[in-house]
């Protein structure tokens, strides 16, 4: 069994420093802290005998780790998870990473120490480091919304590629050819899948692949604003914008308002993910709506099946369809 001394030896620091890092007490330099955290991950060390105790006694608590709890898509997922957990007599611990892999790793370590019974994770990046950390400690894990590379795990997500294809086909059907997609980080599956669906639909009306713009950024309002400004300042201004999530769409709208561009008279806007009634804007967006609540309930159900020992040995993947909802933010392009 790995001990505190083993961690200290591998990290090249004192056991006192290891203790300070683990318990968040006393000072440890950023360099020493990073060495200790790497050693803990490499050795699979768990404090206070957790390795022996983790599965011996249930805490009746699961955790939901999301990338931005302010996003109504994730709050709706959380509602589905919480409702399913309540029926099983479980409490839910919510963690918000703000798309930071460092914050995610810190939360995962806390959840392991707190001995939650299982974790539902929306990964901040495309790699599966956090999933591997949980799996090596025997922690049942389900990934939501996104796909992680090179790791086998249960997952539940919407069909991003098909959803993006449907909304871009709607735009090309209206006559748009120069369509800009504003999306998140290039290494995140929801970004790459939505770009793939966008390109597939656009290639049907633009075989040469020269129409359209692809801009990668972040899934937040500030990035939506900056990407929209770049798209609108191009030599050939797009006639339509496809925002890969609702926060990006709000940032893009701010850029359009600054340039006094009307929606949809001057430019059409379509969005991935619907908005709750309290977030309605004018004109109300044409959207690809994902079944967010169902994603939450399905993911929680997979987790509880693992906890009950009723799941098959291999990983399970549930990909749920989305729905195109056409509203007033899209129209035929204005003649030049």
C-alpha atoms as a PDB file:
ATOM      1  CA  UNK A   1       0.000   0.000   0.000  1.00  0.00           C
ATOM      2  CA  UNK A   2       1.271   3.460  -0.929  1.00  0.00           C
ATOM      3  CA  UNK A   3       2.238   5.623   2.053  1.00  0.00           C
ATOM      4  CA  UNK A   4       2.854   9.292   2.720  1.00  0.00           C
ATOM      5  CA  UNK A   5       6.595   8.541   2.700  1.00  0.00           C
ATOM      6  CA  UNK A   6       6.318   7.045  -0.793  1.00  0.00           C
ATOM      7  CA  UNK A   7       4.701  10.216  -2.087  1.00  0.00           C
ATOM      8  CA  UNK A   8       7.332  12.406  -0.405  1.00  0.00           C
ATOM      9  CA  UNK A   9      10.176  10.308  -1.849  1.00  0.00           C
ATOM     10  CA  UNK A  10       8.818  10.415  -5.405  1.00  0.00           C
ATOM     11  CA  UNK A  11       8.108  14.145  -5.209  1.00  0.00           C
ATOM     12  CA  UNK A  12      11.482  14.917  -3.626  1.00  0.00           C
ATOM     13  CA  UNK A  13       9.953  16.825  -0.716  1.00  0.00           C
ATOM     14  CA  UNK A  14       9.415  16.275   2.998  1.00  0.00           C
ATOM     15  CA  UNK A  15       6.457  14.372   4.447  1.00  0.00           C
ATOM     16  CA  UNK A  16       5.478  17.662   6.133  1.00  0.00           C
ATOM     17  CA  UNK A  17       5.120  19.287   2.703  1.00  0.00           C
ATOM     18  CA  UNK A  18       3.024  16.369   1.452  1.00  0.00           C
ATOM     19  CA  UNK A  19       0.767  16.689   4.490  1.00  0.00           C
ATOM     20  CA  UNK A  20       0.349  20.432   3.923  1.00  0.00           C
ATOM     21  CA  UNK A  21      -0.652  19.880   0.291  1.00  0.00           C
ATOM     22  CA  UNK A  22      -3.118  17.081   1.087  1.00  0.00           C
ATOM     23  CA  UNK A  23      -4.755  18.923   3.976  1.00  0.00           C
ATOM     24  CA  UNK A  24      -4.514  22.435   2.459  1.00  0.00           C
ATOM     25  CA  UNK A  25      -2.842  23.587   5.682  1.00  0.00           C
ATOM     26  CA  UNK A  26       0.341  25.616   5.966  1.00  0.00           C
ATOM     27  CA  UNK A  27       2.509  26.943   3.151  1.00  0.00           C
ATOM     28  CA  UNK A  28       3.770  24.917   0.204  1.00  0.00           C
ATOM     29  CA  UNK A  29       5.346  26.580  -2.818  1.00  0.00           C
ATOM     30  CA  UNK A  30       3.531  26.204  -6.178  1.00  0.00           C
ATOM     31  CA  UNK A  31       6.461  24.107  -7.453  1.00  0.00           C
ATOM     32  CA  UNK A  32       6.351  21.758  -4.447  1.00  0.00           C
ATOM     33  CA  UNK A  33       2.570  21.513  -4.637  1.00  0.00           C
ATOM     34  CA  UNK A  34       2.752  20.531  -8.310  1.00  0.00           C
ATOM     35  CA  UNK A  35       5.363  17.834  -7.544  1.00  0.00           C
ATOM     36  CA  UNK A  36       3.242  16.381  -4.747  1.00  0.00           C
ATOM     37  CA  UNK A  37       0.092  16.343  -6.880  1.00  0.00           C
ATOM     38  CA  UNK A  38       1.926  14.570  -9.713  1.00  0.00           C
ATOM     39  CA  UNK A  39       3.297  11.993  -7.278  1.00  0.00           C
ATOM     40  CA  UNK A  40      -0.169  11.396  -5.769  1.00  0.00           C
ATOM     41  CA  UNK A  41      -1.621  10.825  -9.237  1.00  0.00           C
ATOM     42  CA  UNK A  42       1.244   8.547 -10.322  1.00  0.00           C
ATOM     43  CA  UNK A  43       1.115   6.408  -7.189  1.00  0.00           C
ATOM     44  CA  UNK A  44      -2.659   6.397  -6.815  1.00  0.00           C
ATOM     45  CA  UNK A  45      -2.275   7.509  -3.213  1.00  0.00           C
ATOM     46  CA  UNK A  46      -5.396   8.207  -1.130  1.00  0.00           C
ATOM     47  CA  UNK A  47      -5.118   9.776   2.328  1.00  0.00           C
ATOM     48  CA  UNK A  48      -6.446   8.350   5.577  1.00  0.00           C
ATOM     49  CA  UNK A  49      -6.744   4.768   4.434  1.00  0.00           C
ATOM     50  CA  UNK A  50      -9.353   5.691   1.815  1.00  0.00           C
ATOM     51  CA  UNK A  51      -8.151   2.952  -0.515  1.00  0.00           C
ATOM     52  CA  UNK A  52      -9.405   0.350   1.981  1.00  0.00           C
ATOM     53  CA  UNK A  53     -12.539   2.202   2.985  1.00  0.00           C
ATOM     54  CA  UNK A  54     -13.883   3.701  -0.246  1.00  0.00           C
ATOM     55  CA  UNK A  55     -16.097   0.811  -1.259  1.00  0.00           C
ATOM     56  CA  UNK A  56     -16.586  -0.619   2.232  1.00  0.00           C
ATOM     57  CA  UNK A  57     -19.193   1.962   3.265  1.00  0.00           C
ATOM     58  CA  UNK A  58     -21.538   4.049   1.151  1.00  0.00           C
ATOM     59  CA  UNK A  59     -21.896   7.773   1.772  1.00  0.00           C
ATOM     60  CA  UNK A  60     -25.189   7.989  -0.162  1.00  0.00           C
ATOM     61  CA  UNK A  61     -23.710  10.936  -2.046  1.00  0.00           C
ATOM     62  CA  UNK A  62     -22.825  11.335  -5.722  1.00  0.00           C
ATOM     63  CA  UNK A  63     -21.151  14.293  -7.410  1.00  0.00           C
ATOM     64  CA  UNK A  64     -22.004  16.190 -10.575  1.00  0.00           C
ATOM     65  CA  UNK A  65     -19.043  18.077 -12.049  1.00  0.00           C
ATOM     66  CA  UNK A  66     -19.962  20.553 -14.809  1.00  0.00           C
ATOM     67  CA  UNK A  67     -18.025  23.145 -16.774  1.00  0.00           C
ATOM     68  CA  UNK A  68     -20.331  26.141 -16.194  1.00  0.00           C
ATOM     69  CA  UNK A  69     -23.335  25.866 -13.880  1.00  0.00           C
ATOM     70  CA  UNK A  70     -24.554  29.306 -15.066  1.00  0.00           C
ATOM     71  CA  UNK A  71     -25.436  27.757 -18.419  1.00  0.00           C
ATOM     72  CA  UNK A  72     -29.125  26.748 -18.400  1.00  0.00           C
ATOM     73  CA  UNK A  73     -28.231  23.595 -20.338  1.00  0.00           C
ATOM     74  CA  UNK A  74     -26.214  22.349 -17.369  1.00  0.00           C
ATOM     75  CA  UNK A  75     -28.713  23.523 -14.758  1.00  0.00           C
ATOM     76  CA  UNK A  76     -31.367  21.477 -16.569  1.00  0.00           C
ATOM     77  CA  UNK A  77     -29.054  18.450 -16.586  1.00  0.00           C
ATOM     78  CA  UNK A  78     -28.523  19.009 -12.865  1.00  0.00           C
ATOM     79  CA  UNK A  79     -32.278  18.933 -12.318  1.00  0.00           C
ATOM     80  CA  UNK A  80     -32.501  15.531 -14.001  1.00  0.00           C
ATOM     81  CA  UNK A  81     -29.621  14.182 -11.940  1.00  0.00           C
ATOM     82  CA  UNK A  82     -31.057  15.495  -8.688  1.00  0.00           C
ATOM     83  CA  UNK A  83     -34.528  14.073  -9.361  1.00  0.00           C
ATOM     84  CA  UNK A  84     -33.088  10.634 -10.149  1.00  0.00           C
ATOM     85  CA  UNK A  85     -30.799  10.759  -7.097  1.00  0.00           C
ATOM     86  CA  UNK A  86     -33.723  11.624  -4.839  1.00  0.00           C
ATOM     87  CA  UNK A  87     -35.598   8.501  -5.918  1.00  0.00           C
ATOM     88  CA  UNK A  88     -32.573   6.420  -4.856  1.00  0.00           C
ATOM     89  CA  UNK A  89     -32.173   8.203  -1.527  1.00  0.00           C
ATOM     90  CA  UNK A  90     -28.958   9.978  -2.575  1.00  0.00           C
ATOM     91  CA  UNK A  91     -27.727  13.547  -2.203  1.00  0.00           C
ATOM     92  CA  UNK A  92     -25.867  15.353  -5.002  1.00  0.00           C
ATOM     93  CA  UNK A  93     -22.719  17.422  -4.582  1.00  0.00           C
ATOM     94  CA  UNK A  94     -22.328  20.036  -7.336  1.00  0.00           C
ATOM     95  CA  UNK A  95     -18.914  21.171  -8.616  1.00  0.00           C
ATOM     96  CA  UNK A  96     -18.262  23.906 -11.194  1.00  0.00           C
ATOM     97  CA  UNK A  97     -14.943  23.989 -13.084  1.00  0.00           C
ATOM     98  CA  UNK A  98     -15.449  26.967 -15.433  1.00  0.00           C
ATOM     99  CA  UNK A  99     -13.838  24.901 -18.232  1.00  0.00           C
ATOM    100  CA  UNK A 100     -10.579  24.614 -16.264  1.00  0.00           C
ATOM    101  CA  UNK A 101      -8.809  21.247 -16.295  1.00  0.00           C
ATOM    102  CA  UNK A 102      -6.811  22.326 -13.228  1.00  0.00           C
ATOM    103  CA  UNK A 103      -9.996  23.114 -11.285  1.00  0.00           C
ATOM    104  CA  UNK A 104     -11.441  19.805 -12.445  1.00  0.00           C
ATOM    105  CA  UNK A 105      -8.450  17.838 -11.167  1.00  0.00           C
ATOM    106  CA  UNK A 106      -8.641  19.652  -7.821  1.00  0.00           C
ATOM    107  CA  UNK A 107     -12.333  18.814  -7.472  1.00  0.00           C
ATOM    108  CA  UNK A 108     -11.725  15.164  -8.362  1.00  0.00           C
ATOM    109  CA  UNK A 109      -9.163  14.877  -5.564  1.00  0.00           C
ATOM    110  CA  UNK A 110     -11.621  16.424  -3.105  1.00  0.00           C
ATOM    111  CA  UNK A 111     -14.404  14.055  -4.204  1.00  0.00           C
ATOM    112  CA  UNK A 112     -12.133  11.047  -3.718  1.00  0.00           C
ATOM    113  CA  UNK A 113     -11.206  12.239  -0.237  1.00  0.00           C
ATOM    114  CA  UNK A 114     -14.865  12.901   0.592  1.00  0.00           C
ATOM    115  CA  UNK A 115     -15.652   9.308  -0.469  1.00  0.00           C
ATOM    116  CA  UNK A 116     -18.585  10.094  -2.728  1.00  0.00           C
ATOM    117  CA  UNK A 117     -20.062   6.898  -4.144  1.00  0.00           C
ATOM    118  CA  UNK A 118     -19.842   7.916  -7.806  1.00  0.00           C
ATOM    119  CA  UNK A 119     -19.163  10.832 -10.147  1.00  0.00           C
ATOM    120  CA  UNK A 120     -21.018  12.311 -13.115  1.00  0.00           C
ATOM    121  CA  UNK A 121     -18.500  14.373 -15.077  1.00  0.00           C
ATOM    122  CA  UNK A 122     -18.698  16.924 -17.878  1.00  0.00           C
ATOM    123  CA  UNK A 123     -14.973  16.989 -18.738  1.00  0.00           C
ATOM    124  CA  UNK A 124     -13.299  20.355 -19.241  1.00  0.00           C
ATOM    125  CA  UNK A 125     -10.993  19.062 -21.967  1.00  0.00           C
ATOM    126  CA  UNK A 126     -10.800  16.280 -24.483  1.00  0.00           C
ATOM    127  CA  UNK A 127      -8.386  14.096 -22.524  1.00  0.00           C
ATOM    128  CA  UNK A 128      -9.580  11.560 -19.973  1.00  0.00           C
ATOM    129  CA  UNK A 129      -7.138  12.298 -17.144  1.00  0.00           C
ATOM    130  CA  UNK A 130      -9.846  12.848 -14.522  1.00  0.00           C
ATOM    131  CA  UNK A 131     -11.737   9.742 -15.615  1.00  0.00           C
ATOM    132  CA  UNK A 132      -8.560   7.680 -15.279  1.00  0.00           C
ATOM    133  CA  UNK A 133      -7.908   9.156 -11.830  1.00  0.00           C
ATOM    134  CA  UNK A 134     -11.378   8.063 -10.720  1.00  0.00           C
ATOM    135  CA  UNK A 135     -11.179   4.639 -12.359  1.00  0.00           C
ATOM    136  CA  UNK A 136      -7.854   3.777 -10.738  1.00  0.00           C
ATOM    137  CA  UNK A 137      -9.520   4.366  -7.385  1.00  0.00           C
ATOM    138  CA  UNK A 138     -12.498   2.167  -8.225  1.00  0.00           C
ATOM    139  CA  UNK A 139     -14.914   5.109  -8.428  1.00  0.00           C
ATOM    140  CA  UNK A 140     -17.927   4.528 -10.736  1.00  0.00           C
ATOM    141  CA  UNK A 141     -17.941   7.321 -13.322  1.00  0.00           C
ATOM    142  CA  UNK A 142     -20.240   8.474 -16.114  1.00  0.00           C
ATOM    143  CA  UNK A 143     -19.217  11.168 -18.613  1.00  0.00           C
ATOM    144  CA  UNK A 144     -21.939  13.589 -19.746  1.00  0.00           C
ATOM    145  CA  UNK A 145     -22.330  15.831 -22.807  1.00  0.00           C
ATOM    146  CA  UNK A 146     -18.807  15.224 -24.132  1.00  0.00           C
ATOM    147  CA  UNK A 147     -16.672  12.322 -25.268  1.00  0.00           C
ATOM    148  CA  UNK A 148     -13.176  11.717 -23.888  1.00  0.00           C
ATOM    149  CA  UNK A 149     -10.384  10.207 -25.957  1.00  0.00           C
ATOM    150  CA  UNK A 150      -8.573   6.950 -25.225  1.00  0.00           C
ATOM    151  CA  UNK A 151     -10.643   6.093 -22.123  1.00  0.00           C
ATOM    152  CA  UNK A 152     -13.434   3.551 -21.904  1.00  0.00           C
ATOM    153  CA  UNK A 153     -16.243   4.752 -19.658  1.00  0.00           C
ATOM    154  CA  UNK A 154     -20.031   5.053 -19.562  1.00  0.00           C
ATOM    155  CA  UNK A 155     -21.217   8.170 -21.373  1.00  0.00           C
ATOM    156  CA  UNK A 156     -24.446  10.022 -22.186  1.00  0.00           C
ATOM    157  CA  UNK A 157     -24.515  12.894 -24.670  1.00  0.00           C
ATOM    158  CA  UNK A 158     -26.526  14.563 -27.380  1.00  0.00           C
ATOM    159  CA  UNK A 159     -25.799  14.009 -31.060  1.00  0.00           C
ATOM    160  CA  UNK A 160     -23.818  17.187 -31.721  1.00  0.00           C
ATOM    161  CA  UNK A 161     -22.868  16.325 -35.281  1.00  0.00           C
ATOM    162  CA  UNK A 162     -26.412  15.522 -36.425  1.00  0.00           C
ATOM    163  CA  UNK A 163     -27.797  18.574 -34.626  1.00  0.00           C
ATOM    164  CA  UNK A 164     -25.294  20.909 -36.265  1.00  0.00           C
ATOM    165  CA  UNK A 165     -25.996  19.330 -39.645  1.00  0.00           C
ATOM    166  CA  UNK A 166     -29.744  19.930 -39.288  1.00  0.00           C
ATOM    167  CA  UNK A 167     -29.457  23.613 -38.388  1.00  0.00           C
ATOM    168  CA  UNK A 168     -26.935  24.366 -41.148  1.00  0.00           C
ATOM    169  CA  UNK A 169     -29.146  22.517 -43.654  1.00  0.00           C
ATOM    170  CA  UNK A 170     -31.949  24.832 -42.522  1.00  0.00           C
ATOM    171  CA  UNK A 171     -29.740  27.862 -43.205  1.00  0.00           C
ATOM    172  CA  UNK A 172     -28.579  26.633 -46.604  1.00  0.00           C
ATOM    173  CA  UNK A 173     -32.192  25.850 -47.464  1.00  0.00           C
ATOM    174  CA  UNK A 174     -32.974  29.533 -46.873  1.00  0.00           C
ATOM    175  CA  UNK A 175     -30.238  30.418 -49.368  1.00  0.00           C
ATOM    176  CA  UNK A 176     -27.268  31.087 -47.068  1.00  0.00           C
ATOM    177  CA  UNK A 177     -23.833  30.038 -48.283  1.00  0.00           C
ATOM    178  CA  UNK A 178     -21.425  32.186 -46.279  1.00  0.00           C
ATOM    179  CA  UNK A 179     -22.168  30.855 -42.779  1.00  0.00           C
ATOM    180  CA  UNK A 180     -19.789  31.428 -39.868  1.00  0.00           C
ATOM    181  CA  UNK A 181     -19.676  28.897 -37.028  1.00  0.00           C
ATOM    182  CA  UNK A 182     -18.479  30.198 -33.656  1.00  0.00           C
ATOM    183  CA  UNK A 183     -17.514  27.308 -31.422  1.00  0.00           C
ATOM    184  CA  UNK A 184     -15.516  26.286 -28.351  1.00  0.00           C
ATOM    185  CA  UNK A 185     -12.004  24.832 -27.910  1.00  0.00           C
ATOM    186  CA  UNK A 186     -10.736  22.684 -30.758  1.00  0.00           C
ATOM    187  CA  UNK A 187      -9.884  19.719 -28.521  1.00  0.00           C
ATOM    188  CA  UNK A 188     -13.372  19.396 -26.994  1.00  0.00           C
ATOM    189  CA  UNK A 189     -15.667  16.855 -28.651  1.00  0.00           C
ATOM    190  CA  UNK A 190     -18.737  19.119 -28.704  1.00  0.00           C
ATOM    191  CA  UNK A 191     -16.724  21.681 -30.677  1.00  0.00           C
ATOM    192  CA  UNK A 192     -15.259  19.259 -33.175  1.00  0.00           C
ATOM    193  CA  UNK A 193     -18.517  17.330 -33.649  1.00  0.00           C
ATOM    194  CA  UNK A 194     -20.520  20.493 -34.307  1.00  0.00           C
ATOM    195  CA  UNK A 195     -17.921  21.719 -36.781  1.00  0.00           C
ATOM    196  CA  UNK A 196     -18.055  18.325 -38.517  1.00  0.00           C
ATOM    197  CA  UNK A 197     -21.851  18.555 -38.886  1.00  0.00           C
ATOM    198  CA  UNK A 198     -21.545  22.150 -40.105  1.00  0.00           C
ATOM    199  CA  UNK A 199     -18.975  21.191 -42.739  1.00  0.00           C
ATOM    200  CA  UNK A 200     -20.998  18.198 -43.888  1.00  0.00           C
ATOM    201  CA  UNK A 201     -24.092  20.326 -44.491  1.00  0.00           C
ATOM    202  CA  UNK A 202     -22.163  23.155 -46.131  1.00  0.00           C
ATOM    203  CA  UNK A 203     -20.309  20.780 -48.462  1.00  0.00           C
ATOM    204  CA  UNK A 204     -23.632  19.803 -50.038  1.00  0.00           C
ATOM    205  CA  UNK A 205     -24.124  23.313 -51.437  1.00  0.00           C
ATOM    206  CA  UNK A 206     -20.488  24.368 -51.644  1.00  0.00           C
ATOM    207  CA  UNK A 207     -18.512  21.357 -52.978  1.00  0.00           C
ATOM    208  CA  UNK A 208     -15.279  23.331 -53.207  1.00  0.00           C
ATOM    209  CA  UNK A 209     -15.338  23.977 -49.459  1.00  0.00           C
ATOM    210  CA  UNK A 210     -14.519  27.662 -49.885  1.00  0.00           C
ATOM    211  CA  UNK A 211     -17.674  29.139 -48.337  1.00  0.00           C
ATOM    212  CA  UNK A 212     -18.098  29.700 -44.635  1.00  0.00           C
ATOM    213  CA  UNK A 213     -15.830  30.463 -41.689  1.00  0.00           C
ATOM    214  CA  UNK A 214     -14.849  28.292 -38.722  1.00  0.00           C
ATOM    215  CA  UNK A 215     -13.764  30.105 -35.562  1.00  0.00           C
ATOM    216  CA  UNK A 216     -12.643  28.193 -32.453  1.00  0.00           C
ATOM    217  CA  UNK A 217     -12.694  29.915 -29.072  1.00  0.00           C
ATOM    218  CA  UNK A 218     -14.319  29.294 -25.702  1.00  0.00           C
ATOM    219  CA  UNK A 219     -17.885  28.424 -24.689  1.00  0.00           C
ATOM    220  CA  UNK A 220     -18.548  31.820 -23.094  1.00  0.00           C
ATOM    221  CA  UNK A 221     -20.001  35.215 -23.909  1.00  0.00           C
ATOM    222  CA  UNK A 222     -16.688  37.080 -24.166  1.00  0.00           C
ATOM    223  CA  UNK A 223     -15.375  34.590 -26.704  1.00  0.00           C
ATOM    224  CA  UNK A 224     -18.648  34.735 -28.635  1.00  0.00           C
ATOM    225  CA  UNK A 225     -18.281  38.497 -28.892  1.00  0.00           C
ATOM    226  CA  UNK A 226     -14.653  38.389 -30.089  1.00  0.00           C
ATOM    227  CA  UNK A 227     -15.292  35.581 -32.593  1.00  0.00           C
ATOM    228  CA  UNK A 228     -18.308  37.413 -34.003  1.00  0.00           C
ATOM    229  CA  UNK A 229     -16.285  40.613 -34.396  1.00  0.00           C
ATOM    230  CA  UNK A 230     -13.606  38.704 -36.295  1.00  0.00           C
ATOM    231  CA  UNK A 231     -16.189  37.050 -38.543  1.00  0.00           C
ATOM    232  CA  UNK A 232     -17.977  40.323 -39.251  1.00  0.00           C
ATOM    233  CA  UNK A 233     -14.731  42.156 -40.026  1.00  0.00           C
ATOM    234  CA  UNK A 234     -13.740  39.607 -42.689  1.00  0.00           C
ATOM    235  CA  UNK A 235     -13.567  40.738 -46.318  1.00  0.00           C
ATOM    236  CA  UNK A 236     -16.671  38.689 -47.030  1.00  0.00           C
ATOM    237  CA  UNK A 237     -19.135  39.230 -44.192  1.00  0.00           C
ATOM    238  CA  UNK A 238     -21.247  36.144 -43.351  1.00  0.00           C
ATOM    239  CA  UNK A 239     -24.975  36.245 -44.000  1.00  0.00           C
ATOM    240  CA  UNK A 240     -25.603  33.859 -41.094  1.00  0.00           C
ATOM    241  CA  UNK A 241     -23.944  32.951 -37.789  1.00  0.00           C
ATOM    242  CA  UNK A 242     -24.206  29.555 -36.124  1.00  0.00           C
ATOM    243  CA  UNK A 243     -23.279  29.824 -32.430  1.00  0.00           C
ATOM    244  CA  UNK A 244     -22.231  26.488 -30.920  1.00  0.00           C
ATOM    245  CA  UNK A 245     -23.838  27.289 -27.559  1.00  0.00           C
ATOM    246  CA  UNK A 246     -26.132  29.908 -26.027  1.00  0.00           C
ATOM    247  CA  UNK A 247     -23.416  31.876 -24.214  1.00  0.00           C
ATOM    248  CA  UNK A 248     -21.513  32.277 -27.500  1.00  0.00           C
ATOM    249  CA  UNK A 249     -24.788  33.465 -29.060  1.00  0.00           C
ATOM    250  CA  UNK A 250     -25.231  36.199 -26.443  1.00  0.00           C
ATOM    251  CA  UNK A 251     -21.717  37.480 -27.081  1.00  0.00           C
ATOM    252  CA  UNK A 252     -22.332  37.433 -30.826  1.00  0.00           C
ATOM    253  CA  UNK A 253     -25.564  39.406 -30.370  1.00  0.00           C
ATOM    254  CA  UNK A 254     -23.641  42.105 -28.515  1.00  0.00           C
ATOM    255  CA  UNK A 255     -21.262  42.416 -31.467  1.00  0.00           C
ATOM    256  CA  UNK A 256     -24.187  42.588 -33.912  1.00  0.00           C
ATOM    257  CA  UNK A 257     -25.899  45.305 -31.890  1.00  0.00           C
ATOM    258  CA  UNK A 258     -22.699  47.380 -31.804  1.00  0.00           C
ATOM    259  CA  UNK A 259     -22.568  47.242 -35.600  1.00  0.00           C
ATOM    260  CA  UNK A 260     -26.312  48.013 -35.802  1.00  0.00           C
ATOM    261  CA  UNK A 261     -27.015  44.786 -37.677  1.00  0.00           C
ATOM    262  CA  UNK A 262     -30.612  43.587 -37.414  1.00  0.00           C
ATOM    263  CA  UNK A 263     -31.581  39.938 -36.850  1.00  0.00           C
ATOM    264  CA  UNK A 264     -32.688  38.392 -39.199  1.00  0.00           C
ATOM    265  CA  UNK A 265     -33.046  41.297 -41.678  1.00  0.00           C
ATOM    266  CA  UNK A 266     -29.279  41.863 -42.013  1.00  0.00           C
ATOM    267  CA  UNK A 267     -27.936  38.582 -40.665  1.00  0.00           C
ATOM    268  CA  UNK A 268     -29.452  35.306 -39.444  1.00  0.00           C
ATOM    269  CA  UNK A 269     -28.463  33.693 -36.143  1.00  0.00           C
ATOM    270  CA  UNK A 270     -28.927  30.045 -35.133  1.00  0.00           C
ATOM    271  CA  UNK A 271     -27.839  28.466 -31.853  1.00  0.00           C
ATOM    272  CA  UNK A 272     -26.981  25.053 -30.395  1.00  0.00           C
ATOM    273  CA  UNK A 273     -29.006  24.506 -27.167  1.00  0.00           C
ATOM    274  CA  UNK A 274     -32.354  26.048 -26.350  1.00  0.00           C
ATOM    275  CA  UNK A 275     -33.031  28.743 -23.773  1.00  0.00           C
ATOM    276  CA  UNK A 276     -35.439  28.666 -20.822  1.00  0.00           C
ATOM    277  CA  UNK A 277     -38.460  31.034 -21.002  1.00  0.00           C
ATOM    278  CA  UNK A 278     -36.819  33.596 -18.737  1.00  0.00           C
ATOM    279  CA  UNK A 279     -33.912  33.972 -21.169  1.00  0.00           C
ATOM    280  CA  UNK A 280     -36.008  34.769 -24.242  1.00  0.00           C
ATOM    281  CA  UNK A 281     -34.455  37.407 -26.502  1.00  0.00           C
ATOM    282  CA  UNK A 282     -35.952  39.280 -29.429  1.00  0.00           C
ATOM    283  CA  UNK A 283     -35.952  37.814 -31.973  1.00  0.00           C
ATOM    284  CA  UNK A 284     -36.200  34.405 -30.300  1.00  0.00           C
ATOM    285  CA  UNK A 285     -33.418  32.118 -31.573  1.00  0.00           C
ATOM    286  CA  UNK A 286     -33.722  29.268 -34.023  1.00  0.00           C
ATOM    287  CA  UNK A 287     -32.073  26.457 -32.042  1.00  0.00           C
ATOM    288  CA  UNK A 288     -30.944  22.868 -31.918  1.00  0.00           C
ATOM    289  CA  UNK A 289     -32.535  21.725 -28.660  1.00  0.00           C
ATOM    290  CA  UNK A 290     -30.897  18.876 -26.757  1.00  0.00           C
ATOM    291  CA  UNK A 291     -32.866  16.784 -24.201  1.00  0.00           C
ATOM    292  CA  UNK A 292     -30.841  18.171 -21.289  1.00  0.00           C
ATOM    293  CA  UNK A 293     -33.085  16.838 -18.534  1.00  0.00           C
ATOM    294  CA  UNK A 294     -33.033  13.357 -20.105  1.00  0.00           C
ATOM    295  CA  UNK A 295     -29.248  13.486 -20.396  1.00  0.00           C
ATOM    296  CA  UNK A 296     -29.161  14.039 -16.620  1.00  0.00           C
ATOM    297  CA  UNK A 297     -31.603  11.251 -15.785  1.00  0.00           C
ATOM    298  CA  UNK A 298     -30.020   8.739 -18.176  1.00  0.00           C
ATOM    299  CA  UNK A 299     -26.526   9.436 -16.856  1.00  0.00           C
ATOM    300  CA  UNK A 300     -27.653   9.128 -13.237  1.00  0.00           C
ATOM    301  CA  UNK A 301     -29.442   5.873 -14.060  1.00  0.00           C
ATOM    302  CA  UNK A 302     -26.231   4.412 -15.552  1.00  0.00           C
ATOM    303  CA  UNK A 303     -24.347   5.430 -12.420  1.00  0.00           C
ATOM    304  CA  UNK A 304     -26.873   3.879 -10.042  1.00  0.00           C
ATOM    305  CA  UNK A 305     -26.820   0.658 -12.062  1.00  0.00           C
ATOM    306  CA  UNK A 306     -23.031   0.568 -11.569  1.00  0.00           C
ATOM    307  CA  UNK A 307     -23.415   1.175  -7.858  1.00  0.00           C
ATOM    308  CA  UNK A 308     -25.975  -1.631  -7.599  1.00  0.00           C
ATOM    309  CA  UNK A 309     -23.744  -4.058  -9.511  1.00  0.00           C
ATOM    310  CA  UNK A 310     -26.382  -4.376 -12.245  1.00  0.00           C
ATOM    311  CA  UNK A 311     -24.347  -2.962 -15.157  1.00  0.00           C
ATOM    312  CA  UNK A 312     -22.446  -4.969 -17.783  1.00  0.00           C
ATOM    313  CA  UNK A 313     -18.679  -5.085 -17.521  1.00  0.00           C
ATOM    314  CA  UNK A 314     -17.959  -2.967 -20.600  1.00  0.00           C
ATOM    315  CA  UNK A 315     -18.658   0.733 -21.133  1.00  0.00           C
ATOM    316  CA  UNK A 316     -22.074   1.913 -22.316  1.00  0.00           C
ATOM    317  CA  UNK A 317     -22.778   4.850 -24.637  1.00  0.00           C
ATOM    318  CA  UNK A 318     -26.131   6.621 -24.979  1.00  0.00           C
ATOM    319  CA  UNK A 319     -26.382   9.265 -27.723  1.00  0.00           C
ATOM    320  CA  UNK A 320     -29.677  11.148 -27.662  1.00  0.00           C
ATOM    321  CA  UNK A 321     -31.190  12.941 -30.691  1.00  0.00           C
ATOM    322  CA  UNK A 322     -31.715  16.688 -30.798  1.00  0.00           C
ATOM    323  CA  UNK A 323     -34.563  18.745 -32.243  1.00  0.00           C
ATOM    324  CA  UNK A 324     -34.406  21.664 -34.671  1.00  0.00           C
ATOM    325  CA  UNK A 325     -36.777  24.459 -33.572  1.00  0.00           C
ATOM    326  CA  UNK A 326     -37.174  27.201 -36.198  1.00  0.00           C
ATOM    327  CA  UNK A 327     -37.957  30.665 -34.856  1.00  0.00           C
ATOM    328  CA  UNK A 328     -37.639  34.274 -35.965  1.00  0.00           C
ATOM    329  CA  UNK A 329     -33.853  34.691 -35.847  1.00  0.00           C
ATOM    330  CA  UNK A 330     -33.338  33.048 -39.253  1.00  0.00           C
ATOM    331  CA  UNK A 331     -34.570  34.166 -42.659  1.00  0.00           C
ATOM    332  CA  UNK A 332     -33.444  34.248 -46.285  1.00  0.00           C
ATOM    333  CA  UNK A 333     -30.299  36.337 -46.832  1.00  0.00           C
ATOM    334  CA  UNK A 334     -30.746  39.912 -47.946  1.00  0.00           C
ATOM    335  CA  UNK A 335     -29.800  40.515 -51.589  1.00  0.00           C
ATOM    336  CA  UNK A 336     -26.387  42.159 -51.961  1.00  0.00           C
END
